[in-house]
Amino acid sequence: MDLPLWADIVLVFIAVWIVVVVVLVIVGRVLLARELALLLPNLIRLFGGLLRDARVPLRAKIVLAVASVWLASPIDLIPDFIPIVGSLDDAVVAGLALRFVLRTTDDAVVREHWRGDPATLERLLRLVSWGGRRGTPRALR
């Protein structure tokens, strides 16, 4: 059965998510596995804090609001009742929103609102800023 490209991408993300959590538990990195499981609730709290912060520009707040509605919506690409993978589409949307916010807002503001493990935030910031920051073309960095 041939799946559309987007379905293949989603399946790869699901597989990677599951493997990462299982490997972390097996190698004794239970704390990191726990942070991965708590990533979505921490992102929701982060988005709420950023939405209320006057230092965040309006366009970033609009992106955060749309992402928050997506996260709160019971309609998902992958149902939330499926363990671990149910939050995958939410995590992708949250990551894209955070990437946009980081291009328009100071990192210190984001760090100030994070309630999870600081090391998790650092990994997340590195991950979502893969293409450069603040609109700077990669070739110029």
Protein backbone atom coordinates (compact mmCIF):
# COMPACT_ATOMS: atom_id res chain seq x y z
CA MET A 1 0.00 0.00 0.00
CA ASP A 2 1.46 3.36 -1.05
CA LEU A 3 1.05 6.05 1.56
CA PRO A 4 1.21 9.78 0.87
CA LEU A 5 4.45 11.51 1.75
CA TRP A 6 2.94 13.23 4.80
CA ALA A 7 1.84 9.85 6.17
CA ASP A 8 5.35 8.45 5.72
CA ILE A 9 6.78 11.45 7.58
CA VAL A 10 4.28 11.04 10.43
CA LEU A 11 5.08 7.32 10.69
CA VAL A 12 8.80 8.08 10.88
CA PHE A 13 8.19 10.65 13.66
CA ILE A 14 6.07 8.12 15.54
CA ALA A 15 8.72 5.44 15.26
CA VAL A 16 11.49 7.79 16.36
CA TRP A 17 9.43 9.06 19.31
CA ILE A 18 8.71 5.53 20.55
CA VAL A 19 12.29 4.35 20.08
CA VAL A 20 13.70 7.38 21.90
CA VAL A 21 11.43 6.95 24.93
CA VAL A 22 12.01 3.19 25.14
CA VAL A 23 15.77 3.53 24.76
CA LEU A 24 15.90 6.23 27.42
CA VAL A 25 14.03 4.03 29.87
CA ILE A 26 16.19 0.99 29.04
CA VAL A 27 19.49 2.84 29.49
CA GLY A 28 18.35 4.23 32.79
CA ARG A 29 17.63 7.77 31.65
CA VAL A 30 14.22 7.71 33.27
CA LEU A 31 14.41 11.42 34.11
CA LEU A 32 14.93 12.31 30.46
CA ALA A 33 12.15 9.93 29.41
CA ARG A 34 9.91 11.62 31.97
CA GLU A 35 10.79 15.07 30.61
CA LEU A 36 9.99 13.85 27.12
CA ALA A 37 6.62 12.63 28.34
CA LEU A 38 6.01 15.97 30.12
CA LEU A 39 7.13 18.04 27.15
CA LEU A 40 3.64 18.87 25.93
CA PRO A 41 2.28 20.04 29.30
CA ASN A 42 5.42 22.16 29.78
CA LEU A 43 4.97 23.66 26.31
CA ILE A 44 1.35 24.54 27.09
CA ARG A 45 2.43 26.38 30.24
CA LEU A 46 5.20 28.08 28.27
CA PHE A 47 2.75 29.23 25.60
CA GLY A 48 0.36 30.57 28.23
CA GLY A 49 3.11 32.60 29.86
CA LEU A 50 4.34 33.95 26.52
CA LEU A 51 0.81 34.93 25.49
CA ARG A 52 0.53 37.09 28.64
CA ASP A 53 3.99 38.63 28.31
CA ALA A 54 4.09 42.18 26.91
CA ARG A 55 7.60 41.63 25.51
CA VAL A 56 6.31 39.09 22.97
CA PRO A 57 5.26 40.75 19.67
CA LEU A 58 1.66 40.51 18.50
CA ARG A 59 2.46 38.33 15.48
CA ALA A 60 4.19 35.78 17.74
CA LYS A 61 1.18 35.85 20.08
CA ILE A 62 -1.10 35.10 17.12
CA VAL A 63 1.02 32.07 16.20
CA LEU A 64 1.02 30.96 19.85
CA ALA A 65 -2.77 31.38 20.06
CA VAL A 66 -3.33 29.29 16.92
CA ALA A 67 -0.95 26.61 18.22
CA SER A 68 -2.69 26.68 21.61
CA VAL A 69 -6.07 26.16 19.96
CA TRP A 70 -4.58 23.23 18.04
CA LEU A 71 -3.17 21.74 21.25
CA ALA A 72 -6.49 22.18 23.07
CA SER A 73 -8.56 20.84 20.19
CA PRO A 74 -9.87 17.30 20.59
CA ILE A 75 -9.44 16.80 16.83
CA ASP A 76 -5.94 15.58 16.03
CA LEU A 77 -4.15 13.85 13.18
CA ILE A 78 -3.16 11.17 15.70
CA PRO A 79 -5.66 10.53 18.52
CA ASP A 80 -4.33 11.55 21.94
CA PHE A 81 -5.48 8.31 23.58
CA ILE A 82 -2.66 6.43 21.80
CA PRO A 83 0.21 6.36 24.34
CA ILE A 84 3.24 8.52 23.54
CA VAL A 85 2.46 8.93 19.83
CA GLY A 86 -0.88 10.58 20.49
CA SER A 87 0.89 13.81 21.30
CA LEU A 88 3.21 13.70 18.30
CA ASP A 89 1.20 15.99 16.02
CA ASP A 90 0.78 18.38 18.95
CA ALA A 91 4.53 18.36 19.54
CA VAL A 92 5.23 19.18 15.89
CA VAL A 93 2.78 22.11 15.93
CA ALA A 94 4.20 23.33 19.25
CA GLY A 95 7.75 23.08 17.89
CA LEU A 96 6.91 25.10 14.79
CA ALA A 97 5.20 27.76 16.90
CA LEU A 98 8.16 27.92 19.27
CA ARG A 99 10.50 28.26 16.30
CA PHE A 100 8.53 31.29 15.11
CA VAL A 101 8.49 32.82 18.59
CA LEU A 102 12.26 32.41 18.89
CA ARG A 103 12.70 34.32 15.63
CA THR A 104 10.76 37.29 17.03
CA THR A 105 11.42 37.21 20.79
CA ASP A 106 14.50 37.20 23.00
CA ASP A 107 15.59 33.77 24.25
CA ALA A 108 15.63 35.09 27.82
CA VAL A 109 11.87 35.70 27.69
CA VAL A 110 11.28 32.08 26.63
CA ARG A 111 13.62 30.75 29.33
CA GLU A 112 11.85 32.85 31.95
CA HIS A 113 8.51 31.14 31.25
CA TRP A 114 9.80 27.54 31.04
CA ARG A 115 8.75 25.38 34.01
CA GLY A 116 10.41 22.08 33.08
CA ASP A 117 14.00 20.90 33.25
CA PRO A 118 16.32 23.64 31.87
CA ALA A 119 18.37 21.01 30.00
CA THR A 120 15.21 19.92 28.17
CA LEU A 121 14.55 23.50 27.13
CA GLU A 122 18.12 23.84 25.84
CA ARG A 123 17.73 20.68 23.73
CA LEU A 124 14.37 21.92 22.49
CA LEU A 125 15.77 25.35 21.58
CA ARG A 126 18.62 23.74 19.63
CA LEU A 127 16.16 21.49 17.83
CA VAL A 128 13.65 24.16 16.81
CA SER A 129 16.32 26.64 15.71
CA TRP A 130 17.89 24.25 13.18
CA GLY A 131 17.62 26.70 10.26
CA GLY A 132 19.09 29.80 11.84
CA ARG A 133 17.73 32.47 14.14
CA ARG A 134 15.93 35.73 13.58
CA GLY A 135 15.63 35.25 9.85
CA THR A 136 19.40 35.18 9.27
CA PRO A 137 20.16 33.05 6.21
CA ARG A 138 22.17 29.99 7.10
CA ALA A 139 24.90 30.84 4.58
CA LEU A 140 25.63 34.10 6.42
CA ARG A 141 26.17 32.47 9.81
